[in-house]
Amino acid sequence: MVCAQEGINTPVDSLENDLPDTLIVAKPEQVQTVKRQPIARDFPLSVFLELSSALVPDPDKHSLIYEYSGVIAFKKIDFGLYFMRYEGSYTQQVIFPNQFAALYTIFGPFIGYKVHDQNNLMVNTRIKFGVGDVLWENAENFEDIFRDKIRFYQPELLFQYKVLPFLVLQCAVGYRRITNLQLPQLNSKDYSGLLGSVGVRIGYFSDK
């Protein structure tokens, strides 16, 4: 059999051979729309700020300090920079008759590794490196009298819990090691020892 239209001759048998044996028709209710996830969720990168307060060793046994960090996390690895400053109440009569307050500032990088992450509960290990200085400051006129450079090392174990998509609570224990400190009535052992801290992380946390 031949089908003719506008000068075109096409064998009907060849048209029949081109048709599939089975024709599947999808019903409208069976069609599903798959939404593409945002690109940010596909990339395993987290960016956040970390604010914490810590009970750290000093010549008065322990004092409270505040620490500020910026962190980038890729999968299980954290990279960050931190800054801390101690302005405690420890004073001594370094030069008679004036009282002097011991102060210090430390900053540097850290790297961490996530060893557990399940049901919003995370466990991280971390080590901080840093440099800074310690000084005796006149408690009356705030004049710096003695100053010395120090090095700083601090391994930590952190326990964290995500309470909101952008908020993580954490507590940590660690050991602080100060070196190279030699000032009148102060040395490295005065600021070295066990410590504990509590804090928060605020920012974007990847699900990857």
N, C-alpha and C. Protein backbone atom coordinates (compact mmCIF):
# COMPACT_ATOMS: atom_id res chain seq x y z
N MET A 1 0.86 -1.19 0.00
CA MET A 1 0.00 0.00 0.00
C MET A 1 0.90 1.23 0.00
N VAL A 2 0.50 2.28 -0.74
CA VAL A 2 1.29 3.49 -0.86
C VAL A 2 0.44 4.67 -0.46
N CYS A 3 1.00 5.58 0.37
CA CYS A 3 0.30 6.80 0.77
C CYS A 3 0.90 7.94 -0.02
N ALA A 4 0.05 8.69 -0.76
CA ALA A 4 0.52 9.79 -1.60
C ALA A 4 -0.08 11.09 -1.12
N GLN A 5 0.76 12.11 -0.94
CA GLN A 5 0.29 13.43 -0.54
C GLN A 5 1.31 14.45 -0.99
N GLU A 6 0.84 15.41 -1.79
CA GLU A 6 1.68 16.50 -2.29
C GLU A 6 2.94 15.97 -2.97
N GLY A 7 2.77 14.95 -3.71
CA GLY A 7 3.90 14.44 -4.50
C GLY A 7 4.84 13.57 -3.74
N ILE A 8 4.54 13.24 -2.46
CA ILE A 8 5.45 12.40 -1.66
C ILE A 8 4.82 11.04 -1.52
N ASN A 9 5.53 10.01 -1.94
CA ASN A 9 5.05 8.63 -1.86
C ASN A 9 5.77 7.92 -0.73
N THR A 10 5.04 7.46 0.26
CA THR A 10 5.64 6.77 1.41
C THR A 10 4.93 5.45 1.62
N PRO A 11 5.63 4.35 1.60
CA PRO A 11 4.97 3.05 1.84
C PRO A 11 4.41 2.99 3.26
N VAL A 12 3.16 2.62 3.36
CA VAL A 12 2.53 2.52 4.68
C VAL A 12 3.18 1.42 5.50
N ASP A 13 3.63 0.37 4.85
CA ASP A 13 4.26 -0.74 5.59
C ASP A 13 5.51 -0.27 6.33
N SER A 14 6.28 0.66 5.69
CA SER A 14 7.49 1.14 6.37
C SER A 14 7.15 1.99 7.57
N LEU A 15 6.02 2.76 7.53
CA LEU A 15 5.58 3.52 8.68
C LEU A 15 5.20 2.62 9.82
N GLU A 16 4.56 1.53 9.50
CA GLU A 16 4.15 0.59 10.56
C GLU A 16 5.36 -0.05 11.21
N ASN A 17 6.40 -0.28 10.42
CA ASN A 17 7.60 -0.90 11.00
C ASN A 17 8.35 0.04 11.93
N ASP A 18 8.21 1.37 11.67
CA ASP A 18 8.91 2.33 12.52
C ASP A 18 8.24 2.54 13.86
N LEU A 19 7.01 2.15 14.03
CA LEU A 19 6.29 2.34 15.29
C LEU A 19 6.75 1.32 16.32
N PRO A 20 6.90 1.71 17.59
CA PRO A 20 7.28 0.74 18.64
C PRO A 20 6.14 -0.23 18.91
N ASP A 21 6.52 -1.42 19.38
CA ASP A 21 5.50 -2.43 19.69
C ASP A 21 4.64 -2.01 20.86
N THR A 22 5.22 -1.27 21.82
CA THR A 22 4.47 -0.87 23.02
C THR A 22 4.58 0.64 23.18
N LEU A 23 3.50 1.30 23.43
CA LEU A 23 3.47 2.74 23.62
C LEU A 23 3.02 3.02 25.05
N ILE A 24 3.89 3.71 25.83
CA ILE A 24 3.60 4.01 27.23
C ILE A 24 3.18 5.47 27.34
N VAL A 25 2.06 5.68 27.96
CA VAL A 25 1.53 7.03 28.14
C VAL A 25 1.50 7.34 29.63
N ALA A 26 2.19 8.42 30.06
CA ALA A 26 2.22 8.81 31.48
C ALA A 26 1.00 9.65 31.80
N LYS A 27 0.35 9.32 32.89
CA LYS A 27 -0.78 10.10 33.34
C LYS A 27 -0.29 11.36 34.06
N PRO A 28 -1.04 12.45 34.00
CA PRO A 28 -0.61 13.71 34.65
C PRO A 28 -0.29 13.54 36.12
N GLU A 29 -1.07 12.72 36.84
CA GLU A 29 -0.83 12.57 38.27
C GLU A 29 0.43 11.77 38.57
N GLN A 30 1.00 11.10 37.53
CA GLN A 30 2.20 10.31 37.73
C GLN A 30 3.48 11.10 37.45
N VAL A 31 3.33 12.30 36.92
CA VAL A 31 4.49 13.13 36.60
C VAL A 31 4.96 13.85 37.85
N GLN A 32 6.23 13.69 38.21
CA GLN A 32 6.79 14.32 39.39
C GLN A 32 7.79 15.40 38.99
N THR A 33 7.77 16.48 39.72
CA THR A 33 8.71 17.58 39.50
C THR A 33 9.83 17.50 40.51
N VAL A 34 11.05 17.38 40.02
CA VAL A 34 12.22 17.29 40.89
C VAL A 34 12.89 18.66 40.94
N LYS A 35 12.95 19.22 42.14
CA LYS A 35 13.56 20.55 42.31
C LYS A 35 15.06 20.41 42.50
N ARG A 36 15.78 21.25 41.81
CA ARG A 36 17.23 21.28 41.93
C ARG A 36 17.62 21.97 43.23
N GLN A 37 18.47 21.31 44.03
CA GLN A 37 18.92 21.91 45.27
C GLN A 37 19.85 23.08 44.96
N PRO A 38 19.86 24.11 45.84
CA PRO A 38 20.78 25.23 45.63
C PRO A 38 22.22 24.78 45.57
N ILE A 39 23.03 25.49 44.80
CA ILE A 39 24.43 25.11 44.63
C ILE A 39 25.16 25.10 45.96
N ALA A 40 24.83 26.03 46.86
CA ALA A 40 25.51 26.11 48.15
C ALA A 40 25.37 24.83 48.95
N ARG A 41 24.22 24.15 48.82
CA ARG A 41 24.01 22.91 49.58
C ARG A 41 24.82 21.76 48.98
N ASP A 42 25.18 21.87 47.70
CA ASP A 42 25.96 20.82 47.07
C ASP A 42 27.44 20.95 47.38
N PHE A 43 27.87 22.11 47.88
CA PHE A 43 29.28 22.34 48.14
C PHE A 43 29.55 22.17 49.64
N PRO A 44 30.43 21.27 50.04
CA PRO A 44 30.63 20.95 51.47
C PRO A 44 31.49 21.96 52.20
N LEU A 45 31.08 23.23 52.19
CA LEU A 45 31.86 24.29 52.83
C LEU A 45 30.99 25.01 53.85
N SER A 46 31.52 25.19 55.07
CA SER A 46 30.84 25.93 56.13
C SER A 46 31.69 27.15 56.50
N VAL A 47 31.01 28.25 56.79
CA VAL A 47 31.68 29.48 57.18
C VAL A 47 30.95 30.04 58.40
N PHE A 48 31.69 30.33 59.48
CA PHE A 48 31.01 30.77 60.70
C PHE A 48 31.98 31.50 61.63
N LEU A 49 31.39 32.18 62.60
CA LEU A 49 32.13 32.82 63.68
C LEU A 49 32.00 31.98 64.93
N GLU A 50 33.05 31.99 65.74
CA GLU A 50 33.04 31.25 67.01
C GLU A 50 33.36 32.22 68.14
N LEU A 51 32.47 32.29 69.11
CA LEU A 51 32.64 33.14 70.28
C LEU A 51 32.65 32.25 71.52
N SER A 52 33.65 32.41 72.37
CA SER A 52 33.74 31.54 73.54
C SER A 52 34.36 32.26 74.71
N SER A 53 34.07 31.74 75.89
CA SER A 53 34.71 32.19 77.13
C SER A 53 35.37 30.98 77.77
N ALA A 54 36.56 31.17 78.30
CA ALA A 54 37.34 30.05 78.80
C ALA A 54 37.91 30.35 80.18
N LEU A 55 37.98 29.30 80.97
CA LEU A 55 38.64 29.37 82.28
C LEU A 55 40.06 28.84 82.08
N VAL A 56 41.04 29.75 82.12
CA VAL A 56 42.40 29.40 81.73
C VAL A 56 43.36 29.59 82.91
N PRO A 57 44.50 28.89 82.88
CA PRO A 57 45.47 29.02 83.97
C PRO A 57 46.17 30.38 83.95
N ASP A 58 46.43 30.90 85.12
CA ASP A 58 47.23 32.11 85.29
C ASP A 58 47.85 32.06 86.68
N PRO A 59 48.63 33.06 87.11
CA PRO A 59 49.25 33.00 88.44
C PRO A 59 48.26 32.90 89.59
N ASP A 60 47.01 33.32 89.39
CA ASP A 60 45.96 33.16 90.41
C ASP A 60 45.21 31.85 90.24
N LYS A 61 45.83 30.86 89.63
CA LYS A 61 45.28 29.53 89.34
C LYS A 61 44.43 29.53 88.07
N HIS A 62 43.31 30.26 88.02
CA HIS A 62 42.49 30.30 86.81
C HIS A 62 41.76 31.63 86.72
N SER A 63 41.59 32.10 85.48
CA SER A 63 40.84 33.33 85.22
C SER A 63 39.98 33.15 83.97
N LEU A 64 38.99 34.02 83.81
CA LEU A 64 38.09 33.95 82.67
C LEU A 64 38.57 34.90 81.57
N ILE A 65 38.66 34.39 80.33
CA ILE A 65 39.01 35.23 79.19
C ILE A 65 37.99 34.99 78.08
N TYR A 66 38.00 35.88 77.07
CA TYR A 66 37.09 35.76 75.93
C TYR A 66 37.91 35.60 74.66
N GLU A 67 37.38 34.77 73.76
CA GLU A 67 38.10 34.43 72.53
C GLU A 67 37.17 34.60 71.33
N TYR A 68 37.74 35.11 70.21
CA TYR A 68 36.97 35.36 68.99
C TYR A 68 37.67 34.68 67.83
N SER A 69 36.91 33.93 67.02
CA SER A 69 37.51 33.17 65.92
C SER A 69 36.65 33.27 64.67
N GLY A 70 37.32 33.22 63.53
CA GLY A 70 36.66 33.05 62.24
C GLY A 70 37.07 31.71 61.66
N VAL A 71 36.09 30.91 61.18
CA VAL A 71 36.37 29.53 60.82
C VAL A 71 35.80 29.21 59.44
N ILE A 72 36.56 28.43 58.66
CA ILE A 72 36.09 27.82 57.42
C ILE A 72 36.25 26.32 57.57
N ALA A 73 35.17 25.56 57.34
CA ALA A 73 35.22 24.11 57.48
C ALA A 73 34.92 23.46 56.12
N PHE A 74 35.78 22.54 55.70
CA PHE A 74 35.58 21.79 54.46
C PHE A 74 35.43 20.32 54.83
N LYS A 75 34.20 19.81 54.66
CA LYS A 75 33.88 18.45 55.08
C LYS A 75 34.21 18.26 56.56
N LYS A 76 35.23 17.49 56.90
CA LYS A 76 35.53 17.20 58.31
C LYS A 76 36.67 18.04 58.88
N ILE A 77 37.23 18.95 58.08
CA ILE A 77 38.40 19.70 58.51
C ILE A 77 38.06 21.16 58.73
N ASP A 78 38.49 21.72 59.87
CA ASP A 78 38.29 23.13 60.20
C ASP A 78 39.61 23.89 60.07
N PHE A 79 39.53 25.10 59.50
CA PHE A 79 40.65 26.03 59.49
C PHE A 79 40.17 27.34 60.07
N GLY A 80 40.97 27.97 60.90
CA GLY A 80 40.50 29.22 61.48
C GLY A 80 41.63 30.09 62.03
N LEU A 81 41.25 31.32 62.36
CA LEU A 81 42.12 32.27 63.03
C LEU A 81 41.42 32.74 64.30
N TYR A 82 42.17 32.93 65.38
CA TYR A 82 41.58 33.31 66.66
C TYR A 82 42.34 34.49 67.26
N PHE A 83 41.68 35.15 68.20
CA PHE A 83 42.29 36.25 68.95
C PHE A 83 41.77 36.20 70.37
N MET A 84 42.65 36.36 71.34
CA MET A 84 42.24 36.41 72.75
C MET A 84 43.08 37.44 73.49
N ARG A 85 42.47 38.07 74.48
CA ARG A 85 43.18 39.05 75.30
C ARG A 85 42.78 38.86 76.76
N TYR A 86 43.79 38.82 77.62
CA TYR A 86 43.57 38.63 79.05
C TYR A 86 43.81 39.95 79.77
N GLU A 87 42.80 40.39 80.48
CA GLU A 87 42.92 41.59 81.33
C GLU A 87 42.38 41.24 82.71
N GLY A 88 43.07 40.34 83.37
CA GLY A 88 42.60 39.84 84.65
C GLY A 88 42.92 40.78 85.80
N SER A 89 42.72 40.28 86.99
CA SER A 89 42.89 41.10 88.19
C SER A 89 44.18 40.78 88.93
N TYR A 90 45.06 40.00 88.30
CA TYR A 90 46.31 39.63 88.97
C TYR A 90 47.27 40.81 88.99
N THR A 91 47.63 41.26 90.18
CA THR A 91 48.55 42.41 90.34
C THR A 91 49.65 42.05 91.32
N GLN A 92 50.79 42.67 91.13
CA GLN A 92 51.93 42.49 92.02
C GLN A 92 52.69 43.81 92.14
N GLN A 93 53.42 43.94 93.23
CA GLN A 93 54.24 45.13 93.44
C GLN A 93 55.61 44.86 92.81
N VAL A 94 55.65 44.98 91.47
CA VAL A 94 56.89 44.67 90.75
C VAL A 94 57.96 45.70 91.05
N ILE A 95 57.61 46.96 91.06
CA ILE A 95 58.52 48.05 91.42
C ILE A 95 57.86 48.85 92.54
N PHE A 96 58.51 48.88 93.70
CA PHE A 96 57.95 49.59 94.85
C PHE A 96 57.81 51.08 94.52
N PRO A 97 56.71 51.74 94.87
CA PRO A 97 55.58 51.23 95.66
C PRO A 97 54.35 50.92 94.79
N ASN A 98 54.51 50.86 93.46
CA ASN A 98 53.36 50.75 92.55
C ASN A 98 52.91 49.31 92.37
N GLN A 99 51.61 49.16 92.10
CA GLN A 99 51.04 47.87 91.74
C GLN A 99 50.98 47.77 90.22
N PHE A 100 51.28 46.55 89.72
CA PHE A 100 51.27 46.31 88.28
C PHE A 100 50.34 45.14 87.96
N ALA A 101 49.60 45.28 86.86
CA ALA A 101 48.68 44.22 86.41
C ALA A 101 49.33 43.45 85.26
N ALA A 102 49.16 42.12 85.30
CA ALA A 102 49.69 41.27 84.23
C ALA A 102 48.64 41.12 83.13
N LEU A 103 49.00 41.43 81.88
CA LEU A 103 48.11 41.35 80.74
C LEU A 103 48.77 40.54 79.63
N TYR A 104 47.95 39.92 78.77
CA TYR A 104 48.55 39.28 77.59
C TYR A 104 47.55 39.26 76.43
N THR A 105 48.11 39.19 75.23
CA THR A 105 47.35 39.07 73.99
C THR A 105 47.96 37.95 73.17
N ILE A 106 47.10 37.08 72.61
CA ILE A 106 47.56 35.95 71.80
C ILE A 106 46.68 35.86 70.56
N PHE A 107 47.28 35.56 69.42
CA PHE A 107 46.51 35.33 68.20
C PHE A 107 47.26 34.32 67.33
N GLY A 108 46.53 33.67 66.41
CA GLY A 108 47.17 32.69 65.54
C GLY A 108 46.17 31.81 64.84
N PRO A 109 46.64 30.77 64.14
CA PRO A 109 45.77 29.86 63.41
C PRO A 109 45.46 28.60 64.21
N PHE A 110 44.47 27.84 63.74
CA PHE A 110 44.21 26.52 64.29
C PHE A 110 43.68 25.61 63.20
N ILE A 111 43.78 24.32 63.43
CA ILE A 111 43.24 23.32 62.52
C ILE A 111 42.54 22.26 63.36
N GLY A 112 41.37 21.79 62.87
CA GLY A 112 40.60 20.80 63.61
C GLY A 112 40.09 19.71 62.70
N TYR A 113 39.69 18.59 63.32
CA TYR A 113 39.17 17.45 62.57
C TYR A 113 37.94 16.89 63.29
N LYS A 114 36.86 16.67 62.55
CA LYS A 114 35.61 16.16 63.11
C LYS A 114 35.67 14.63 63.17
N VAL A 115 35.60 14.08 64.37
CA VAL A 115 35.69 12.63 64.53
C VAL A 115 34.33 11.96 64.68
N HIS A 116 33.28 12.78 64.94
CA HIS A 116 31.93 12.21 65.09
C HIS A 116 30.91 13.25 64.68
N ASP A 117 29.87 12.80 63.95
CA ASP A 117 28.78 13.70 63.55
C ASP A 117 27.53 12.86 63.32
N GLN A 118 26.62 12.88 64.28
CA GLN A 118 25.39 12.09 64.18
C GLN A 118 24.30 12.71 65.05
N ASN A 119 23.11 12.84 64.47
CA ASN A 119 21.95 13.39 65.19
C ASN A 119 22.25 14.76 65.80
N ASN A 120 22.93 15.62 65.03
CA ASN A 120 23.26 16.98 65.43
C ASN A 120 24.31 17.06 66.54
N LEU A 121 24.85 15.92 66.95
CA LEU A 121 25.90 15.89 67.97
C LEU A 121 27.24 15.66 67.29
N MET A 122 28.22 16.54 67.57
CA MET A 122 29.52 16.46 66.92
C MET A 122 30.63 16.45 67.97
N VAL A 123 31.71 15.77 67.63
CA VAL A 123 32.92 15.76 68.45
C VAL A 123 34.09 16.12 67.55
N ASN A 124 34.84 17.14 67.94
CA ASN A 124 35.97 17.64 67.15
C ASN A 124 37.25 17.60 67.98
N THR A 125 38.35 17.40 67.31
CA THR A 125 39.67 17.63 67.90
C THR A 125 40.26 18.86 67.23
N ARG A 126 41.11 19.58 67.95
CA ARG A 126 41.66 20.81 67.40
C ARG A 126 42.98 21.15 68.10
N ILE A 127 43.87 21.78 67.36
CA ILE A 127 45.09 22.29 67.96
C ILE A 127 45.31 23.72 67.48
N LYS A 128 45.65 24.59 68.44
CA LYS A 128 45.91 26.00 68.15
C LYS A 128 47.40 26.28 68.28
N PHE A 129 47.86 27.16 67.40
CA PHE A 129 49.22 27.69 67.47
C PHE A 129 49.11 29.21 67.57
N GLY A 130 50.07 29.85 68.19
CA GLY A 130 49.96 31.30 68.26
C GLY A 130 51.20 31.96 68.82
N VAL A 131 51.20 33.27 68.69
CA VAL A 131 52.23 34.11 69.27
C VAL A 131 51.54 35.27 69.98
N GLY A 132 52.26 35.93 70.85
CA GLY A 132 51.67 37.05 71.57
C GLY A 132 52.68 37.69 72.48
N ASP A 133 52.18 38.51 73.39
CA ASP A 133 53.08 39.12 74.36
C ASP A 133 52.38 39.24 75.72
N VAL A 134 53.22 39.24 76.74
CA VAL A 134 52.78 39.41 78.13
C VAL A 134 53.47 40.65 78.67
N LEU A 135 52.75 41.42 79.46
CA LEU A 135 53.36 42.66 79.98
C LEU A 135 52.86 42.95 81.39
N TRP A 136 53.67 43.71 82.10
CA TRP A 136 53.29 44.31 83.37
C TRP A 136 52.88 45.75 83.09
N GLU A 137 51.65 46.11 83.47
CA GLU A 137 51.13 47.45 83.23
C GLU A 137 50.87 48.14 84.56
N ASN A 138 51.33 49.36 84.67
CA ASN A 138 51.09 50.14 85.88
C ASN A 138 49.59 50.28 86.11
N ALA A 139 49.10 49.82 87.26
CA ALA A 139 47.67 49.83 87.53
C ALA A 139 47.11 51.23 87.70
N GLU A 140 47.96 52.23 87.91
CA GLU A 140 47.49 53.61 88.12
C GLU A 140 47.50 54.45 86.85
N ASN A 141 48.61 54.45 86.13
CA ASN A 141 48.70 55.29 84.92
C ASN A 141 48.71 54.48 83.62
N PHE A 142 48.56 53.12 83.71
CA PHE A 142 48.47 52.22 82.55
C PHE A 142 49.73 52.24 81.68
N GLU A 143 50.86 52.56 82.26
CA GLU A 143 52.12 52.56 81.53
C GLU A 143 52.69 51.15 81.50
N ASP A 144 53.15 50.71 80.32
CA ASP A 144 53.76 49.39 80.18
C ASP A 144 55.22 49.46 80.63
N ILE A 145 55.58 48.59 81.57
CA ILE A 145 56.93 48.63 82.12
C ILE A 145 57.78 47.48 81.57
N PHE A 146 57.28 46.25 81.69
CA PHE A 146 58.00 45.08 81.20
C PHE A 146 57.13 44.35 80.19
N ARG A 147 57.76 43.84 79.14
CA ARG A 147 57.03 43.12 78.09
C ARG A 147 57.91 42.00 77.55
N ASP A 148 57.26 40.86 77.20
CA ASP A 148 58.02 39.75 76.63
C ASP A 148 57.15 39.01 75.61
N LYS A 149 57.77 38.50 74.55
CA LYS A 149 57.09 37.73 73.52
C LYS A 149 56.95 36.27 73.96
N ILE A 150 55.84 35.65 73.55
CA ILE A 150 55.60 34.25 73.92
C ILE A 150 55.15 33.45 72.70
N ARG A 151 55.25 32.13 72.84
CA ARG A 151 54.67 31.18 71.88
C ARG A 151 53.60 30.37 72.60
N PHE A 152 52.65 29.86 71.80
CA PHE A 152 51.45 29.30 72.39
C PHE A 152 51.02 28.05 71.63
N TYR A 153 50.68 26.96 72.36
CA TYR A 153 50.17 25.72 71.78
C TYR A 153 49.01 25.24 72.63
N GLN A 154 47.95 24.77 71.99
CA GLN A 154 46.78 24.34 72.78
C GLN A 154 45.99 23.26 72.04
N PRO A 155 46.17 21.98 72.38
CA PRO A 155 45.28 20.92 71.86
C PRO A 155 43.96 20.92 72.64
N GLU A 156 42.85 20.62 71.92
CA GLU A 156 41.53 20.66 72.54
C GLU A 156 40.66 19.51 72.04
N LEU A 157 39.67 19.17 72.85
CA LEU A 157 38.60 18.25 72.48
C LEU A 157 37.28 19.00 72.66
N LEU A 158 36.49 19.10 71.56
CA LEU A 158 35.27 19.90 71.58
C LEU A 158 34.04 19.00 71.41
N PHE A 159 33.00 19.31 72.18
CA PHE A 159 31.70 18.65 72.07
C PHE A 159 30.68 19.70 71.63
N GLN A 160 29.97 19.42 70.53
CA GLN A 160 29.10 20.43 69.92
C GLN A 160 27.72 19.85 69.63
N TYR A 161 26.72 20.73 69.70
CA TYR A 161 25.34 20.32 69.39
C TYR A 161 24.66 21.42 68.57
N LYS A 162 24.13 21.03 67.41
CA LYS A 162 23.46 21.99 66.53
C LYS A 162 22.01 22.14 66.97
N VAL A 163 21.66 23.32 67.49
CA VAL A 163 20.30 23.58 67.96
C VAL A 163 19.44 24.22 66.88
N LEU A 164 20.07 24.92 65.95
CA LEU A 164 19.39 25.55 64.82
C LEU A 164 20.29 25.40 63.59
N PRO A 165 19.74 25.54 62.38
CA PRO A 165 20.59 25.40 61.19
C PRO A 165 21.79 26.35 61.17
N PHE A 166 21.70 27.48 61.88
CA PHE A 166 22.78 28.46 61.87
C PHE A 166 23.45 28.62 63.23
N LEU A 167 23.13 27.77 64.21
CA LEU A 167 23.64 27.94 65.58
C LEU A 167 24.07 26.61 66.17
N VAL A 168 25.31 26.59 66.67
CA VAL A 168 25.88 25.40 67.32
C VAL A 168 26.41 25.80 68.70
N LEU A 169 26.01 25.04 69.73
CA LEU A 169 26.56 25.23 71.07
C LEU A 169 27.74 24.29 71.26
N GLN A 170 28.72 24.72 72.05
CA GLN A 170 29.88 23.86 72.23
C GLN A 170 30.52 24.06 73.61
N CYS A 171 31.20 23.02 74.05
CA CYS A 171 32.06 23.10 75.22
C CYS A 171 33.35 22.37 74.88
N ALA A 172 34.43 22.72 75.55
CA ALA A 172 35.73 22.15 75.20
C ALA A 172 36.60 22.01 76.44
N VAL A 173 37.50 21.04 76.37
CA VAL A 173 38.56 20.88 77.37
C VAL A 173 39.87 20.80 76.62
N GLY A 174 40.94 21.28 77.25
CA GLY A 174 42.22 21.25 76.57
C GLY A 174 43.37 21.51 77.51
N TYR A 175 44.55 21.61 76.91
CA TYR A 175 45.76 21.89 77.68
C TYR A 175 46.51 23.02 76.99
N ARG A 176 46.86 24.03 77.74
CA ARG A 176 47.56 25.20 77.21
C ARG A 176 49.04 25.12 77.58
N ARG A 177 49.88 25.38 76.57
CA ARG A 177 51.32 25.40 76.79
C ARG A 177 51.88 26.73 76.31
N ILE A 178 52.46 27.50 77.24
CA ILE A 178 53.11 28.77 76.94
C ILE A 178 54.62 28.59 77.05
N THR A 179 55.37 29.16 76.11
CA THR A 179 56.84 29.06 76.16
C THR A 179 57.46 30.44 75.97
N ASN A 180 58.72 30.54 76.34
CA ASN A 180 59.57 31.72 76.13
C ASN A 180 59.22 32.91 77.02
N LEU A 181 58.45 32.72 78.08
CA LEU A 181 58.09 33.84 78.94
C LEU A 181 59.07 33.98 80.10
N GLN A 182 59.71 35.14 80.18
CA GLN A 182 60.61 35.45 81.28
C GLN A 182 60.45 36.92 81.65
N LEU A 183 59.65 37.15 82.69
CA LEU A 183 59.42 38.50 83.22
C LEU A 183 59.60 38.46 84.73
N PRO A 184 59.84 39.59 85.36
CA PRO A 184 59.90 39.61 86.83
C PRO A 184 58.62 39.04 87.43
N GLN A 185 58.76 38.02 88.26
CA GLN A 185 57.66 37.37 88.98
C GLN A 185 56.69 36.64 88.05
N LEU A 186 57.05 36.38 86.80
CA LEU A 186 56.22 35.62 85.86
C LEU A 186 57.10 34.70 85.03
N ASN A 187 56.58 33.49 84.74
CA ASN A 187 57.26 32.60 83.80
C ASN A 187 56.22 31.77 83.05
N SER A 188 56.67 30.94 82.15
CA SER A 188 55.77 30.18 81.27
C SER A 188 54.82 29.27 82.05
N LYS A 189 55.27 28.70 83.15
CA LYS A 189 54.43 27.79 83.91
C LYS A 189 53.20 28.48 84.51
N ASP A 190 53.29 29.80 84.74
CA ASP A 190 52.16 30.51 85.33
C ASP A 190 50.93 30.51 84.42
N TYR A 191 51.14 30.37 83.11
CA TYR A 191 50.03 30.42 82.17
C TYR A 191 49.80 29.10 81.44
N SER A 192 50.46 28.04 81.86
CA SER A 192 50.32 26.73 81.24
C SER A 192 49.49 25.81 82.13
N GLY A 193 48.67 24.96 81.51
CA GLY A 193 47.87 24.02 82.29
C GLY A 193 46.54 23.69 81.63
N LEU A 194 45.69 22.97 82.38
CA LEU A 194 44.38 22.55 81.88
C LEU A 194 43.43 23.73 81.80
N LEU A 195 42.47 23.64 80.87
CA LEU A 195 41.47 24.71 80.71
C LEU A 195 40.15 24.11 80.24
N GLY A 196 39.09 24.89 80.38
CA GLY A 196 37.77 24.52 79.87
C GLY A 196 37.08 25.75 79.30
N SER A 197 36.20 25.55 78.33
CA SER A 197 35.52 26.68 77.71
C SER A 197 34.12 26.30 77.27
N VAL A 198 33.27 27.32 77.10
CA VAL A 198 31.94 27.17 76.52
C VAL A 198 31.78 28.27 75.47
N GLY A 199 30.98 28.00 74.44
CA GLY A 199 30.82 29.01 73.41
C GLY A 199 29.75 28.64 72.40
N VAL A 200 29.67 29.46 71.35
CA VAL A 200 28.71 29.25 70.27
C VAL A 200 29.41 29.43 68.93
N ARG A 201 28.84 28.77 67.91
CA ARG A 201 29.24 28.98 66.52
C ARG A 201 28.00 29.49 65.78
N ILE A 202 28.19 30.59 65.04
CA ILE A 202 27.08 31.21 64.32
C ILE A 202 27.49 31.40 62.87
N GLY A 203 26.67 30.88 61.93
CA GLY A 203 26.99 31.07 60.52
C GLY A 203 26.29 30.05 59.64
N TYR A 204 26.91 29.74 58.51
CA TYR A 204 26.36 28.77 57.56
C TYR A 204 27.06 27.43 57.75
N PHE A 205 26.29 26.37 57.95
CA PHE A 205 26.82 25.02 58.15
C PHE A 205 26.32 24.11 57.04
N SER A 206 27.23 23.55 56.28
CA SER A 206 26.86 22.66 55.19
C SER A 206 26.36 21.32 55.75
N ASP A 207 25.44 20.69 55.01
CA ASP A 207 24.94 19.38 55.40
C ASP A 207 25.84 18.26 54.90
N LYS A 208 26.82 18.58 54.08
CA LYS A 208 27.69 17.57 53.50
C LYS A 208 28.75 17.13 54.50
